[in-house]
Amino acid sequence: MKPLISIITPSYNCAVYIAETIESVLKQTYSNWEMIITDDCSTDNSRDVIKGFTLQDQRIKLVVQNENQGAAMARNKSIELAQGEYIAFLDSDDLWSTDKLEKQLKFMQDKDVVFSYTSYEQIDEKGNKLNKKIKAPKKVGYNGVLLSCPIGNSTVMYNASKTGKFFVPNIRKRNDDALWLKMLKVIPYAHGLDEVLMYYRIRSNSLSRNKMELVKYHWYLYREIEKLSIPRSLFHICYWGFLKVFKLK
């Protein structure tokens, strides 16, 4: 029997985008999946949109948080409830190509890989391609992610039946990087499939576009979560600044 893949999706005020995101899952050529969407106390009609899909397809499940706790805790609630052998991540405004799960699962099985990611492209708020591809290198380890993370959150899938479940560190932003670093302390490498199987939406109001806020979150990640020295943390902040703020990558 084909393995069950649990899709982990946090939701917060994403009513404008989440229907398209769910549709990209429903169109998958691989059918043995469950999608666990944890809503983090949205104030728009996100839950109504999601509920409509749960009535159409029992593979889609909605969980509602009692209080707003951030995306990391919403992801963790979905991971806690996941029943799949594999766990995949999909944010509420991103999209998958129709063959994403099928191709990535085959890649992992053929290569005996437990932690994988793929290449992806950026799209704008209306879904138009921005002609920017983020290429997945063949593999990356802890130091590579620490230096310049090439892993797109909505591209990741790991074999929880072999590794056990990994839960997301409780940090508001950069919690995806924190999770990959946590995993790569146990798993030597994450392996990349260089095919564009995900489309990452660039939103003008996204927290990730506030560079000064991101500096704060990066510092917290390096010092409080990864316990790096002050000089090493400063080095990584400066390196990240050159790559992201000045766009030298």
C-alpha atoms as a PDB file:
ATOM      1  CA  MET A   1       0.000   0.000   0.000  1.00  0.00           C
ATOM      2  CA  LYS A   2       1.194   3.495  -0.773  1.00  0.00           C
ATOM      3  CA  PRO A   3       2.391   5.390   2.325  1.00  0.00           C
ATOM      4  CA  LEU A   4       0.210   8.073   3.857  1.00  0.00           C
ATOM      5  CA  ILE A   5       1.617  11.608   3.615  1.00  0.00           C
ATOM      6  CA  SER A   6       0.496  14.122   6.250  1.00  0.00           C
ATOM      7  CA  ILE A   7       0.433  17.713   4.956  1.00  0.00           C
ATOM      8  CA  ILE A   8       1.045  20.316   7.670  1.00  0.00           C
ATOM      9  CA  THR A   9      -0.563  23.727   7.080  1.00  0.00           C
ATOM     10  CA  PRO A  10      -0.852  26.620   9.549  1.00  0.00           C
ATOM     11  CA  SER A  11      -3.565  29.172   8.835  1.00  0.00           C
ATOM     12  CA  TYR A  12      -3.981  32.775   9.920  1.00  0.00           C
ATOM     13  CA  ASN A  13      -6.074  35.358   8.029  1.00  0.00           C
ATOM     14  CA  CYS A  14      -5.414  33.645   4.716  1.00  0.00           C
ATOM     15  CA  ALA A  15      -8.932  33.545   3.269  1.00  0.00           C
ATOM     16  CA  VAL A  16      -7.778  35.257   0.072  1.00  0.00           C
ATOM     17  CA  TYR A  17      -5.238  32.520  -0.731  1.00  0.00           C
ATOM     18  CA  ILE A  18      -6.010  29.289   1.084  1.00  0.00           C
ATOM     19  CA  ALA A  19      -8.648  27.996  -1.341  1.00  0.00           C
ATOM     20  CA  GLU A  20      -6.061  28.010  -4.140  1.00  0.00           C
ATOM     21  CA  THR A  21      -3.557  26.327  -1.834  1.00  0.00           C
ATOM     22  CA  ILE A  22      -6.005  23.547  -0.953  1.00  0.00           C
ATOM     23  CA  GLU A  23      -6.942  23.144  -4.616  1.00  0.00           C
ATOM     24  CA  SER A  24      -3.279  22.511  -5.423  1.00  0.00           C
ATOM     25  CA  VAL A  25      -3.376  19.624  -2.936  1.00  0.00           C
ATOM     26  CA  LEU A  26      -6.646  18.232  -4.290  1.00  0.00           C
ATOM     27  CA  LYS A  27      -5.092  18.163  -7.775  1.00  0.00           C
ATOM     28  CA  GLN A  28      -2.147  15.996  -6.672  1.00  0.00           C
ATOM     29  CA  THR A  29      -1.473  12.916  -8.784  1.00  0.00           C
ATOM     30  CA  TYR A  30      -0.638  11.133  -5.527  1.00  0.00           C
ATOM     31  CA  SER A  31      -3.846  10.526  -3.576  1.00  0.00           C
ATOM     32  CA  ASN A  32      -2.932   8.910  -0.243  1.00  0.00           C
ATOM     33  CA  TRP A  33      -2.586  12.056   1.852  1.00  0.00           C
ATOM     34  CA  GLU A  34      -4.220  13.900   4.721  1.00  0.00           C
ATOM     35  CA  MET A  35      -4.115  17.677   5.075  1.00  0.00           C
ATOM     36  CA  ILE A  36      -4.226  18.964   8.643  1.00  0.00           C
ATOM     37  CA  ILE A  37      -4.875  22.702   8.739  1.00  0.00           C
ATOM     38  CA  THR A  38      -4.527  24.393  12.130  1.00  0.00           C
ATOM     39  CA  ASP A  39      -6.142  27.823  12.246  1.00  0.00           C
ATOM     40  CA  ASP A  40      -4.437  30.223  14.664  1.00  0.00           C
ATOM     41  CA  CYS A  41      -7.521  32.290  15.597  1.00  0.00           C
ATOM     42  CA  SER A  42      -8.055  33.994  12.243  1.00  0.00           C
ATOM     43  CA  THR A  43     -10.176  37.144  12.300  1.00  0.00           C
ATOM     44  CA  ASP A  44     -11.246  36.864   8.653  1.00  0.00           C
ATOM     45  CA  ASN A  45     -13.380  34.075   7.123  1.00  0.00           C
ATOM     46  CA  SER A  46     -10.500  31.620   6.691  1.00  0.00           C
ATOM     47  CA  ARG A  47     -12.212  28.952   8.787  1.00  0.00           C
ATOM     48  CA  ASP A  48     -15.398  29.152   6.712  1.00  0.00           C
ATOM     49  CA  VAL A  49     -13.385  28.660   3.522  1.00  0.00           C
ATOM     50  CA  ILE A  50     -11.539  25.680   4.999  1.00  0.00           C
ATOM     51  CA  LYS A  51     -14.721  24.130   6.407  1.00  0.00           C
ATOM     52  CA  GLY A  52     -16.189  24.132   2.916  1.00  0.00           C
ATOM     53  CA  PHE A  53     -13.334  21.923   1.744  1.00  0.00           C
ATOM     54  CA  THR A  54     -13.582  19.590   4.757  1.00  0.00           C
ATOM     55  CA  LEU A  55     -17.188  18.894   3.723  1.00  0.00           C
ATOM     56  CA  GLN A  56     -16.040  18.033   0.197  1.00  0.00           C
ATOM     57  CA  ASP A  57     -13.106  15.777   1.105  1.00  0.00           C
ATOM     58  CA  GLN A  58     -12.581  13.944   4.400  1.00  0.00           C
ATOM     59  CA  ARG A  59      -8.811  13.936   3.859  1.00  0.00           C
ATOM     60  CA  ILE A  60      -8.855  17.647   4.773  1.00  0.00           C
ATOM     61  CA  LYS A  61      -9.081  18.314   8.504  1.00  0.00           C
ATOM     62  CA  LEU A  62      -9.483  21.628  10.339  1.00  0.00           C
ATOM     63  CA  VAL A  63      -8.149  22.239  13.843  1.00  0.00           C
ATOM     64  CA  VAL A  64      -8.801  25.559  15.619  1.00  0.00           C
ATOM     65  CA  GLN A  65      -6.436  26.943  18.256  1.00  0.00           C
ATOM     66  CA  ASN A  66      -7.941  28.354  21.463  1.00  0.00           C
ATOM     67  CA  GLU A  67      -5.644  31.386  21.290  1.00  0.00           C
ATOM     68  CA  ASN A  68      -3.260  32.942  18.812  1.00  0.00           C
ATOM     69  CA  GLN A  69       0.161  31.370  19.335  1.00  0.00           C
ATOM     70  CA  GLY A  70       1.947  31.844  16.020  1.00  0.00           C
ATOM     71  CA  ALA A  71       2.730  29.626  13.047  1.00  0.00           C
ATOM     72  CA  ALA A  72       5.222  27.416  14.901  1.00  0.00           C
ATOM     73  CA  MET A  73       2.642  26.271  17.441  1.00  0.00           C
ATOM     74  CA  ALA A  74      -0.008  25.862  14.728  1.00  0.00           C
ATOM     75  CA  ARG A  75       2.387  23.629  12.797  1.00  0.00           C
ATOM     76  CA  ASN A  76       3.123  21.637  15.936  1.00  0.00           C
ATOM     77  CA  LYS A  77      -0.573  20.977  16.560  1.00  0.00           C
ATOM     78  CA  SER A  78      -0.899  19.569  13.042  1.00  0.00           C
ATOM     79  CA  ILE A  79       2.276  17.495  13.469  1.00  0.00           C
ATOM     80  CA  GLU A  80       0.954  16.136  16.770  1.00  0.00           C
ATOM     81  CA  LEU A  81      -2.197  14.897  15.024  1.00  0.00           C
ATOM     82  CA  ALA A  82      -0.457  13.611  11.881  1.00  0.00           C
ATOM     83  CA  GLN A  83      -0.885   9.916  11.120  1.00  0.00           C
ATOM     84  CA  GLY A  84       1.310   9.699   8.023  1.00  0.00           C
ATOM     85  CA  GLU A  85       4.562   7.852   7.479  1.00  0.00           C
ATOM     86  CA  TYR A  86       5.760  10.999   5.745  1.00  0.00           C
ATOM     87  CA  ILE A  87       5.264  14.616   6.805  1.00  0.00           C
ATOM     88  CA  ALA A  88       5.171  17.447   4.258  1.00  0.00           C
ATOM     89  CA  PHE A  89       4.855  21.180   4.840  1.00  0.00           C
ATOM     90  CA  LEU A  90       2.671  23.600   2.887  1.00  0.00           C
ATOM     91  CA  ASP A  91       2.023  27.190   3.948  1.00  0.00           C
ATOM     92  CA  SER A  92      -1.459  28.614   3.493  1.00  0.00           C
ATOM     93  CA  ASP A  93      -0.544  30.919   0.589  1.00  0.00           C
ATOM     94  CA  ASP A  94       1.886  28.707  -1.348  1.00  0.00           C
ATOM     95  CA  LEU A  95       1.081  26.310  -4.191  1.00  0.00           C
ATOM     96  CA  TRP A  96       2.270  22.859  -5.273  1.00  0.00           C
ATOM     97  CA  SER A  97       2.652  21.536  -8.784  1.00  0.00           C
ATOM     98  CA  THR A  98       0.227  18.664  -9.429  1.00  0.00           C
ATOM     99  CA  ASP A  99       2.969  16.007  -9.293  1.00  0.00           C
ATOM    100  CA  LYS A 100       4.811  17.372  -6.247  1.00  0.00           C
ATOM    101  CA  LEU A 101       4.042  14.570  -3.805  1.00  0.00           C
ATOM    102  CA  GLU A 102       4.414  11.798  -6.377  1.00  0.00           C
ATOM    103  CA  LYS A 103       7.810  12.983  -7.640  1.00  0.00           C
ATOM    104  CA  GLN A 104       9.236  13.815  -4.225  1.00  0.00           C
ATOM    105  CA  LEU A 105       8.145  10.521  -2.665  1.00  0.00           C
ATOM    106  CA  LYS A 106       9.684   8.570  -5.564  1.00  0.00           C
ATOM    107  CA  PHE A 107      12.904  10.581  -5.199  1.00  0.00           C
ATOM    108  CA  MET A 108      13.069   9.761  -1.488  1.00  0.00           C
ATOM    109  CA  GLN A 109      12.321   6.084  -1.974  1.00  0.00           C
ATOM    110  CA  ASP A 110      14.715   5.637  -4.912  1.00  0.00           C
ATOM    111  CA  LYS A 111      17.565   7.462  -3.146  1.00  0.00           C
ATOM    112  CA  ASP A 112      16.786   6.110   0.353  1.00  0.00           C
ATOM    113  CA  VAL A 113      16.467   9.695   1.624  1.00  0.00           C
ATOM    114  CA  VAL A 114      14.674  10.599   4.875  1.00  0.00           C
ATOM    115  CA  PHE A 115      14.714  14.438   4.595  1.00  0.00           C
ATOM    116  CA  SER A 116      14.203  16.170   1.251  1.00  0.00           C
ATOM    117  CA  TYR A 117      13.345  19.492  -0.359  1.00  0.00           C
ATOM    118  CA  THR A 118      12.886  20.754  -3.924  1.00  0.00           C
ATOM    119  CA  SER A 119      13.527  23.775  -6.091  1.00  0.00           C
ATOM    120  CA  TYR A 120      10.779  26.398  -6.229  1.00  0.00           C
ATOM    121  CA  GLU A 121       9.717  29.605  -7.967  1.00  0.00           C
ATOM    122  CA  GLN A 122       8.416  32.880  -6.633  1.00  0.00           C
ATOM    123  CA  ILE A 123       4.970  34.215  -7.546  1.00  0.00           C
ATOM    124  CA  ASP A 124       3.295  37.508  -6.702  1.00  0.00           C
ATOM    125  CA  GLU A 125       0.093  38.054  -4.744  1.00  0.00           C
ATOM    126  CA  LYS A 126      -2.007  37.359  -7.846  1.00  0.00           C
ATOM    127  CA  GLY A 127      -0.160  34.136  -8.669  1.00  0.00           C
ATOM    128  CA  ASN A 128       1.937  35.557 -11.511  1.00  0.00           C
ATOM    129  CA  LYS A 129       5.419  34.079 -11.864  1.00  0.00           C
ATOM    130  CA  LEU A 130       8.248  36.462 -10.986  1.00  0.00           C
ATOM    131  CA  ASN A 131      10.808  34.533 -13.059  1.00  0.00           C
ATOM    132  CA  LYS A 132      12.934  33.775 -10.011  1.00  0.00           C
ATOM    133  CA  LYS A 133      13.867  30.154  -9.318  1.00  0.00           C
ATOM    134  CA  ILE A 134      15.466  29.059  -6.062  1.00  0.00           C
ATOM    135  CA  LYS A 135      17.522  26.027  -6.975  1.00  0.00           C
ATOM    136  CA  ALA A 136      17.769  23.053  -4.624  1.00  0.00           C
ATOM    137  CA  PRO A 137      21.401  21.973  -4.158  1.00  0.00           C
ATOM    138  CA  LYS A 138      22.003  18.218  -4.090  1.00  0.00           C
ATOM    139  CA  LYS A 139      22.400  18.186  -0.332  1.00  0.00           C
ATOM    140  CA  VAL A 140      22.881  20.503   2.620  1.00  0.00           C
ATOM    141  CA  GLY A 141      23.953  19.927   6.223  1.00  0.00           C
ATOM    142  CA  TYR A 142      23.711  21.885   9.468  1.00  0.00           C
ATOM    143  CA  ASN A 143      26.442  24.422   8.652  1.00  0.00           C
ATOM    144  CA  GLY A 144      25.062  25.001   5.179  1.00  0.00           C
ATOM    145  CA  VAL A 145      21.606  25.853   6.526  1.00  0.00           C
ATOM    146  CA  LEU A 146      23.146  28.053   9.206  1.00  0.00           C
ATOM    147  CA  LEU A 147      25.108  29.985   6.586  1.00  0.00           C
ATOM    148  CA  SER A 148      22.460  30.396   3.900  1.00  0.00           C
ATOM    149  CA  CYS A 149      19.369  28.220   4.086  1.00  0.00           C
ATOM    150  CA  PRO A 150      18.409  26.934   0.606  1.00  0.00           C
ATOM    151  CA  ILE A 151      15.353  25.042   1.888  1.00  0.00           C
ATOM    152  CA  GLY A 152      11.892  26.388   1.079  1.00  0.00           C
ATOM    153  CA  ASN A 153       9.442  25.483   3.842  1.00  0.00           C
ATOM    154  CA  SER A 154       6.647  24.364   1.513  1.00  0.00           C
ATOM    155  CA  THR A 155       9.031  22.055  -0.375  1.00  0.00           C
ATOM    156  CA  VAL A 156      10.054  19.903   2.608  1.00  0.00           C
ATOM    157  CA  MET A 157       9.063  16.305   3.218  1.00  0.00           C
ATOM    158  CA  TYR A 158      10.570  13.888   5.728  1.00  0.00           C
ATOM    159  CA  ASN A 159      10.070  10.231   6.617  1.00  0.00           C
ATOM    160  CA  ALA A 160       8.622  10.353  10.117  1.00  0.00           C
ATOM    161  CA  SER A 161       8.345   6.561  10.273  1.00  0.00           C
ATOM    162  CA  LYS A 162      12.165   6.397  10.202  1.00  0.00           C
ATOM    163  CA  THR A 163      13.167   9.601  12.006  1.00  0.00           C
ATOM    164  CA  GLY A 164      10.286  10.112  14.394  1.00  0.00           C
ATOM    165  CA  LYS A 165       8.391  13.397  14.518  1.00  0.00           C
ATOM    166  CA  PHE A 166      10.247  16.697  14.808  1.00  0.00           C
ATOM    167  CA  PHE A 167       8.439  19.639  16.394  1.00  0.00           C
ATOM    168  CA  VAL A 168       9.019  23.292  15.509  1.00  0.00           C
ATOM    169  CA  PRO A 169      10.905  25.550  17.963  1.00  0.00           C
ATOM    170  CA  ASN A 170       8.645  28.265  19.340  1.00  0.00           C
ATOM    171  CA  ILE A 171       9.836  31.381  17.532  1.00  0.00           C
ATOM    172  CA  ARG A 172       7.495  33.660  15.555  1.00  0.00           C
ATOM    173  CA  LYS A 173       9.656  33.933  12.435  1.00  0.00           C
ATOM    174  CA  ARG A 174      12.510  31.820  11.085  1.00  0.00           C
ATOM    175  CA  ASN A 175      10.934  28.838  12.825  1.00  0.00           C
ATOM    176  CA  ASP A 176      11.351  26.860   9.607  1.00  0.00           C
ATOM    177  CA  ASP A 177      15.126  27.448   9.657  1.00  0.00           C
ATOM    178  CA  ALA A 178      15.121  26.518  13.353  1.00  0.00           C
ATOM    179  CA  LEU A 179      13.352  23.244  12.541  1.00  0.00           C
ATOM    180  CA  TRP A 180      15.795  22.295   9.766  1.00  0.00           C
ATOM    181  CA  LEU A 181      18.741  23.018  12.084  1.00  0.00           C
ATOM    182  CA  LYS A 182      17.132  20.870  14.776  1.00  0.00           C
ATOM    183  CA  MET A 183      16.640  18.013  12.318  1.00  0.00           C
ATOM    184  CA  LEU A 184      20.157  18.290  10.901  1.00  0.00           C
ATOM    185  CA  LYS A 185      21.638  17.705  14.331  1.00  0.00           C
ATOM    186  CA  VAL A 186      20.192  14.188  14.004  1.00  0.00           C
ATOM    187  CA  ILE A 187      20.097  13.641  10.228  1.00  0.00           C
ATOM    188  CA  PRO A 188      23.453  14.314   8.484  1.00  0.00           C
ATOM    189  CA  TYR A 189      22.008  15.872   5.319  1.00  0.00           C
ATOM    190  CA  ALA A 190      18.826  17.068   3.672  1.00  0.00           C
ATOM    191  CA  HIS A 191      18.744  16.076   0.000  1.00  0.00           C
ATOM    192  CA  GLY A 192      17.502  18.327  -2.794  1.00  0.00           C
ATOM    193  CA  LEU A 193      15.448  17.483  -5.868  1.00  0.00           C
ATOM    194  CA  ASP A 194      16.219  20.099  -8.501  1.00  0.00           C
ATOM    195  CA  GLU A 195      12.731  20.381  -9.971  1.00  0.00           C
ATOM    196  CA  VAL A 196      10.357  23.285  -9.411  1.00  0.00           C
ATOM    197  CA  LEU A 197       7.500  21.636  -7.506  1.00  0.00           C
ATOM    198  CA  MET A 198       6.382  24.585  -5.344  1.00  0.00           C
ATOM    199  CA  TYR A 199       5.419  28.206  -5.923  1.00  0.00           C
ATOM    200  CA  TYR A 200       6.227  30.617  -3.099  1.00  0.00           C
ATOM    201  CA  ARG A 201       3.981  33.647  -2.842  1.00  0.00           C
ATOM    202  CA  ILE A 202       5.623  37.024  -2.168  1.00  0.00           C
ATOM    203  CA  ARG A 203       3.206  39.197  -0.187  1.00  0.00           C
ATOM    204  CA  SER A 204       3.701  42.914   0.412  1.00  0.00           C
ATOM    205  CA  ASN A 205       2.445  42.701   4.008  1.00  0.00           C
ATOM    206  CA  SER A 206       4.468  39.630   4.941  1.00  0.00           C
ATOM    207  CA  LEU A 207       6.451  39.742   8.203  1.00  0.00           C
ATOM    208  CA  SER A 208       9.347  38.166   6.328  1.00  0.00           C
ATOM    209  CA  ARG A 209       9.692  41.366   4.283  1.00  0.00           C
ATOM    210  CA  ASN A 210      10.417  43.471   7.387  1.00  0.00           C
ATOM    211  CA  LYS A 211      14.211  43.223   7.401  1.00  0.00           C
ATOM    212  CA  MET A 212      14.769  44.824  10.803  1.00  0.00           C
ATOM    213  CA  GLU A 213      12.313  42.439  12.435  1.00  0.00           C
ATOM    214  CA  LEU A 214      14.096  39.547  10.747  1.00  0.00           C
ATOM    215  CA  VAL A 215      17.441  40.669  12.157  1.00  0.00           C
ATOM    216  CA  LYS A 216      15.918  40.367  15.631  1.00  0.00           C
ATOM    217  CA  TYR A 217      14.537  36.918  14.918  1.00  0.00           C
ATOM    218  CA  HIS A 218      17.817  35.735  13.394  1.00  0.00           C
ATOM    219  CA  TRP A 219      19.706  36.938  16.462  1.00  0.00           C
ATOM    220  CA  TYR A 220      17.302  35.043  18.711  1.00  0.00           C
ATOM    221  CA  LEU A 221      17.699  31.933  16.561  1.00  0.00           C
ATOM    222  CA  TYR A 222      21.503  32.043  16.685  1.00  0.00           C
ATOM    223  CA  ARG A 223      21.927  32.996  20.342  1.00  0.00           C
ATOM    224  CA  GLU A 224      18.951  31.537  22.199  1.00  0.00           C
ATOM    225  CA  ILE A 225      18.062  28.467  20.157  1.00  0.00           C
ATOM    226  CA  GLU A 226      21.348  27.417  18.550  1.00  0.00           C
ATOM    227  CA  LYS A 227      23.481  28.778  21.418  1.00  0.00           C
ATOM    228  CA  LEU A 228      26.128  30.242  19.102  1.00  0.00           C
ATOM    229  CA  SER A 229      28.794  32.554  20.473  1.00  0.00           C
ATOM    230  CA  ILE A 230      28.337  36.303  20.072  1.00  0.00           C
ATOM    231  CA  PRO A 231      31.126  36.591  17.426  1.00  0.00           C
ATOM    232  CA  ARG A 232      29.705  33.704  15.426  1.00  0.00           C
ATOM    233  CA  SER A 233      26.173  35.089  15.713  1.00  0.00           C
ATOM    234  CA  LEU A 234      27.372  38.495  14.507  1.00  0.00           C
ATOM    235  CA  PHE A 235      29.130  36.849  11.578  1.00  0.00           C
ATOM    236  CA  HIS A 236      25.943  35.059  10.499  1.00  0.00           C
ATOM    237  CA  ILE A 237      23.837  38.216  10.922  1.00  0.00           C
ATOM    238  CA  CYS A 238      26.253  40.157   8.691  1.00  0.00           C
ATOM    239  CA  TYR A 239      26.452  37.360   6.137  1.00  0.00           C
ATOM    240  CA  TRP A 240      22.661  37.062   6.017  1.00  0.00           C
ATOM    241  CA  GLY A 241      22.429  40.842   5.656  1.00  0.00           C
ATOM    242  CA  PHE A 242      24.649  40.873   2.587  1.00  0.00           C
ATOM    243  CA  LEU A 243      22.713  38.008   1.000  1.00  0.00           C
ATOM    244  CA  LYS A 244      19.188  39.202   1.734  1.00  0.00           C
ATOM    245  CA  VAL A 245      19.233  42.959   2.288  1.00  0.00           C
ATOM    246  CA  PHE A 246      21.781  43.873  -0.386  1.00  0.00           C
ATOM    247  CA  LYS A 247      20.688  41.019  -2.669  1.00  0.00           C
ATOM    248  CA  LEU A 248      24.199  39.894  -3.497  1.00  0.00           C
ATOM    249  CA  LYS A 249      23.265  36.239  -3.704  1.00  0.00           C
END
